[in-house]
Amino acid sequence: MSSAKKNADRLIKKYPNRRLYDTQTSSYITLTDVKQLVLDNEEFTVVDAKTNEDLSRSILLQIILEEEASGAPMFSSDVLAQIIRFYGHAMQGMMGSYLEKNVQAFTDIQRKFTGTAVGGQPFSPEMWSQFMNVQGPMMQGMMNNYIDQSKSLFVQMQEQMQSQSKNLFGTFPFVPVPPTDKK
């Protein structure tokens, strides 16, 4: 993180007693307050008060955990299990990048819709609810088509990588490893 960006960020210190201190307001805040900063698109950094270690990701994950535990979760158990399986896998970095780009694309689409004025007014939360009640199935269909196309491209990319690997390493005298019976 550049020093110019770091200076513009709001600094929140986390103390050993697990309390969060907002240096901008000179007051203690809660995870709910940090969530509100995220919703308000406030730039902030959370650091350990003693070590200055950046704890921002950890705090954001805590907020996600609380959101998932209450109300309607965004992720199914199967999705969470699949994400966990990517940790330590050769595709971990690619998966993280893939998820990040897809979330960004979804955010850009939402931002474009939000900026669309209706009668000169931007979309309010109530208008979003009405819009999603009517357009939700169509949007879900569009998202499913997007995912299918993305999956197809990903499979093509894997096939190309396999083909290139075979061409690259095909001249080496590797001994094939016999498949094992998994029962």
Foldseek 3Di string as FASTA:
>chain_A
DDPVLQVQAFEWEQEPVRWIATPVVRGTDDLVVVVVCVVVVGGHWYAHPPPRHTCVVVSVVVVLVVVCVDDPHPDDPVRVVVLVVLVVPPCNVVVVVVVVVVVVVVVVVVVVQQPDDDVNHGQDPVNVVVCCVVCVVVVVVVVVVVVVVVVVVVVVVVVVVVVVCCVVCVVPPDDDDDDDDDD
